[in-house]
Amino acid sequence: MVDAIELDVRGLEPPEPMVRIVAALDALTAGGSVRVKIDRQPLPLYRMLERNGYVYEERLGSDSLFEIIIRLREDA
């Protein structure tokens, strides 16, 4: 299990970004995070995260269109 995971899924065609993000979430430890660089807003991912006990923060990335930080919800 890992505390911090960095993923760059820019330029990948669906469903590859989601596949890689889900694999990273499986390796995440409590208190850890996954930081994703992606070139589009992944709305299906957000719904999946909310249903499965994760919280996320989306921001504009410096070298990508979006940067998303994902963590386990503390009350999950």
N, C-alpha and C. Protein backbone atom coordinates (compact mmCIF):
# COMPACT_ATOMS: atom_id res chain seq x y z
N MET A 1 0.84 -1.18 0.00
CA MET A 1 0.00 0.00 0.00
C MET A 1 0.89 1.25 0.00
N VAL A 2 0.38 2.33 -0.59
CA VAL A 2 1.17 3.53 -0.82
C VAL A 2 0.46 4.75 -0.24
N ASP A 3 1.25 5.74 0.24
CA ASP A 3 0.68 6.95 0.82
C ASP A 3 0.32 8.00 -0.22
N ALA A 4 1.17 8.20 -1.22
CA ALA A 4 0.92 9.23 -2.24
C ALA A 4 1.23 8.65 -3.61
N ILE A 5 0.26 8.79 -4.50
CA ILE A 5 0.40 8.25 -5.86
C ILE A 5 0.20 9.39 -6.84
N GLU A 6 1.07 9.50 -7.82
CA GLU A 6 0.98 10.51 -8.87
C GLU A 6 0.65 9.79 -10.18
N LEU A 7 -0.39 10.26 -10.85
CA LEU A 7 -0.79 9.67 -12.13
C LEU A 7 -0.88 10.75 -13.19
N ASP A 8 -0.37 10.48 -14.36
CA ASP A 8 -0.53 11.37 -15.50
C ASP A 8 -1.27 10.57 -16.57
N VAL A 9 -2.55 10.88 -16.74
CA VAL A 9 -3.35 10.14 -17.73
C VAL A 9 -3.74 11.03 -18.91
N ARG A 10 -3.03 12.14 -19.06
CA ARG A 10 -3.31 13.03 -20.20
C ARG A 10 -3.06 12.30 -21.51
N GLY A 11 -3.96 12.51 -22.45
CA GLY A 11 -3.79 11.96 -23.78
C GLY A 11 -4.26 10.52 -23.94
N LEU A 12 -4.64 9.87 -22.87
CA LEU A 12 -5.13 8.49 -22.97
C LEU A 12 -6.60 8.48 -23.35
N GLU A 13 -6.98 7.49 -24.13
CA GLU A 13 -8.38 7.35 -24.55
C GLU A 13 -9.16 6.57 -23.49
N PRO A 14 -10.43 6.93 -23.31
CA PRO A 14 -11.28 6.16 -22.39
C PRO A 14 -11.35 4.71 -22.85
N PRO A 15 -11.38 3.78 -21.94
CA PRO A 15 -11.52 3.91 -20.48
C PRO A 15 -10.19 3.88 -19.73
N GLU A 16 -9.06 4.00 -20.44
CA GLU A 16 -7.75 3.82 -19.81
C GLU A 16 -7.51 4.75 -18.61
N PRO A 17 -7.88 6.06 -18.66
CA PRO A 17 -7.68 6.88 -17.46
C PRO A 17 -8.42 6.32 -16.24
N MET A 18 -9.66 5.91 -16.41
CA MET A 18 -10.44 5.37 -15.29
C MET A 18 -9.82 4.07 -14.78
N VAL A 19 -9.37 3.22 -15.67
CA VAL A 19 -8.74 1.95 -15.27
C VAL A 19 -7.51 2.22 -14.41
N ARG A 20 -6.68 3.15 -14.82
CA ARG A 20 -5.46 3.47 -14.07
C ARG A 20 -5.78 4.13 -12.73
N ILE A 21 -6.78 5.01 -12.71
CA ILE A 21 -7.15 5.67 -11.46
C ILE A 21 -7.71 4.66 -10.46
N VAL A 22 -8.58 3.77 -10.91
CA VAL A 22 -9.15 2.75 -10.02
C VAL A 22 -8.04 1.85 -9.47
N ALA A 23 -7.08 1.47 -10.30
CA ALA A 23 -5.95 0.65 -9.83
C ALA A 23 -5.15 1.39 -8.76
N ALA A 24 -4.96 2.69 -8.95
CA ALA A 24 -4.23 3.48 -7.95
C ALA A 24 -5.02 3.57 -6.65
N LEU A 25 -6.33 3.72 -6.74
CA LEU A 25 -7.15 3.79 -5.53
C LEU A 25 -7.08 2.48 -4.75
N ASP A 26 -6.97 1.36 -5.44
CA ASP A 26 -6.85 0.06 -4.78
C ASP A 26 -5.56 -0.04 -3.97
N ALA A 27 -4.53 0.71 -4.36
CA ALA A 27 -3.23 0.66 -3.67
C ALA A 27 -3.12 1.74 -2.58
N LEU A 28 -4.12 2.57 -2.44
CA LEU A 28 -4.07 3.71 -1.52
C LEU A 28 -4.24 3.28 -0.07
N THR A 29 -3.45 3.86 0.82
CA THR A 29 -3.58 3.61 2.25
C THR A 29 -4.41 4.72 2.89
N ALA A 30 -4.93 4.46 4.08
CA ALA A 30 -5.67 5.48 4.82
C ALA A 30 -4.75 6.68 5.04
N GLY A 31 -5.26 7.86 4.78
CA GLY A 31 -4.46 9.07 4.91
C GLY A 31 -3.67 9.41 3.66
N GLY A 32 -3.64 8.52 2.69
CA GLY A 32 -2.90 8.75 1.46
C GLY A 32 -3.74 9.48 0.43
N SER A 33 -3.14 9.79 -0.71
CA SER A 33 -3.86 10.49 -1.76
C SER A 33 -3.37 10.04 -3.14
N VAL A 34 -4.23 10.26 -4.10
CA VAL A 34 -3.88 10.05 -5.51
C VAL A 34 -4.01 11.41 -6.19
N ARG A 35 -2.94 11.85 -6.85
CA ARG A 35 -2.99 13.11 -7.61
C ARG A 35 -2.97 12.75 -9.08
N VAL A 36 -4.01 13.18 -9.78
CA VAL A 36 -4.21 12.83 -11.18
C VAL A 36 -4.10 14.07 -12.06
N LYS A 37 -3.29 13.98 -13.09
CA LYS A 37 -3.26 15.01 -14.14
C LYS A 37 -4.06 14.46 -15.31
N ILE A 38 -5.05 15.22 -15.74
CA ILE A 38 -5.96 14.74 -16.79
C ILE A 38 -6.37 15.91 -17.66
N ASP A 39 -6.66 15.66 -18.93
CA ASP A 39 -6.98 16.76 -19.83
C ASP A 39 -8.46 16.97 -20.08
N ARG A 40 -9.31 16.33 -19.29
CA ARG A 40 -10.75 16.59 -19.38
C ARG A 40 -11.37 16.33 -18.01
N GLN A 41 -12.53 16.91 -17.79
CA GLN A 41 -13.21 16.74 -16.51
C GLN A 41 -13.86 15.36 -16.48
N PRO A 42 -13.44 14.48 -15.57
CA PRO A 42 -13.92 13.09 -15.56
C PRO A 42 -15.20 12.93 -14.72
N LEU A 43 -16.32 13.37 -15.23
CA LEU A 43 -17.57 13.34 -14.48
C LEU A 43 -17.97 11.93 -14.03
N PRO A 44 -17.83 10.88 -14.85
CA PRO A 44 -18.16 9.53 -14.36
C PRO A 44 -17.28 9.13 -13.17
N LEU A 45 -16.03 9.55 -13.17
CA LEU A 45 -15.14 9.26 -12.05
C LEU A 45 -15.67 9.91 -10.78
N TYR A 46 -16.11 11.14 -10.86
CA TYR A 46 -16.60 11.84 -9.67
C TYR A 46 -17.78 11.10 -9.05
N ARG A 47 -18.69 10.63 -9.87
CA ARG A 47 -19.84 9.87 -9.35
C ARG A 47 -19.38 8.58 -8.66
N MET A 48 -18.43 7.89 -9.26
CA MET A 48 -17.90 6.66 -8.69
C MET A 48 -17.20 6.94 -7.35
N LEU A 49 -16.44 8.01 -7.29
CA LEU A 49 -15.74 8.36 -6.06
C LEU A 49 -16.73 8.63 -4.93
N GLU A 50 -17.75 9.41 -5.21
CA GLU A 50 -18.75 9.75 -4.20
C GLU A 50 -19.47 8.51 -3.68
N ARG A 51 -19.79 7.58 -4.56
CA ARG A 51 -20.49 6.35 -4.16
C ARG A 51 -19.61 5.42 -3.33
N ASN A 52 -18.30 5.53 -3.48
CA ASN A 52 -17.40 4.56 -2.85
C ASN A 52 -16.54 5.13 -1.72
N GLY A 53 -16.96 6.26 -1.15
CA GLY A 53 -16.30 6.75 0.06
C GLY A 53 -15.04 7.57 -0.14
N TYR A 54 -14.92 8.21 -1.29
CA TYR A 54 -13.76 9.07 -1.54
C TYR A 54 -14.21 10.53 -1.61
N VAL A 55 -13.28 11.42 -1.32
CA VAL A 55 -13.49 12.85 -1.55
C VAL A 55 -12.43 13.29 -2.55
N TYR A 56 -12.73 14.36 -3.27
CA TYR A 56 -11.77 14.83 -4.27
C TYR A 56 -11.78 16.35 -4.30
N GLU A 57 -10.69 16.87 -4.77
CA GLU A 57 -10.53 18.30 -4.98
C GLU A 57 -10.05 18.48 -6.41
N GLU A 58 -10.75 19.29 -7.16
CA GLU A 58 -10.38 19.55 -8.55
C GLU A 58 -9.83 20.96 -8.64
N ARG A 59 -8.73 21.10 -9.38
CA ARG A 59 -8.18 22.44 -9.62
C ARG A 59 -7.55 22.48 -11.00
N LEU A 60 -7.32 23.68 -11.47
CA LEU A 60 -6.63 23.82 -12.74
C LEU A 60 -5.17 23.48 -12.53
N GLY A 61 -4.66 22.61 -13.37
CA GLY A 61 -3.26 22.20 -13.24
C GLY A 61 -2.34 23.15 -13.98
N SER A 62 -1.08 23.19 -13.55
CA SER A 62 -0.12 24.09 -14.20
C SER A 62 0.29 23.57 -15.57
N ASP A 63 0.35 22.26 -15.75
CA ASP A 63 0.73 21.69 -17.04
C ASP A 63 -0.30 20.70 -17.57
N SER A 64 -1.49 20.74 -17.00
CA SER A 64 -2.59 19.91 -17.49
C SER A 64 -3.86 20.72 -17.33
N LEU A 65 -4.93 20.32 -17.99
CA LEU A 65 -6.16 21.07 -17.84
C LEU A 65 -6.75 20.92 -16.45
N PHE A 66 -6.67 19.72 -15.89
CA PHE A 66 -7.22 19.47 -14.56
C PHE A 66 -6.22 18.68 -13.73
N GLU A 67 -6.22 18.98 -12.45
CA GLU A 67 -5.48 18.20 -11.47
C GLU A 67 -6.48 17.83 -10.39
N ILE A 68 -6.55 16.55 -10.07
CA ILE A 68 -7.53 16.06 -9.10
C ILE A 68 -6.78 15.35 -7.99
N ILE A 69 -7.07 15.75 -6.76
CA ILE A 69 -6.52 15.09 -5.58
C ILE A 69 -7.64 14.24 -4.98
N ILE A 70 -7.40 12.95 -4.81
CA ILE A 70 -8.42 12.02 -4.30
C ILE A 70 -7.92 11.42 -2.99
N ARG A 71 -8.81 11.38 -1.99
CA ARG A 71 -8.52 10.78 -0.68
C ARG A 71 -9.72 9.96 -0.23
N LEU A 72 -9.49 9.04 0.68
CA LEU A 72 -10.60 8.34 1.32
C LEU A 72 -11.32 9.33 2.23
N ARG A 73 -12.63 9.30 2.21
CA ARG A 73 -13.40 10.14 3.13
C ARG A 73 -13.12 9.64 4.54
N GLU A 74 -12.85 10.56 5.46
CA GLU A 74 -12.44 10.18 6.81
C GLU A 74 -13.52 9.46 7.58
N ASP A 75 -14.78 9.70 7.28
CA ASP A 75 -15.87 9.03 8.00
C ASP A 75 -16.33 7.76 7.31
N ALA A 76 -15.60 7.36 6.25
CA ALA A 76 -15.99 6.16 5.50
C ALA A 76 -15.53 4.90 6.21
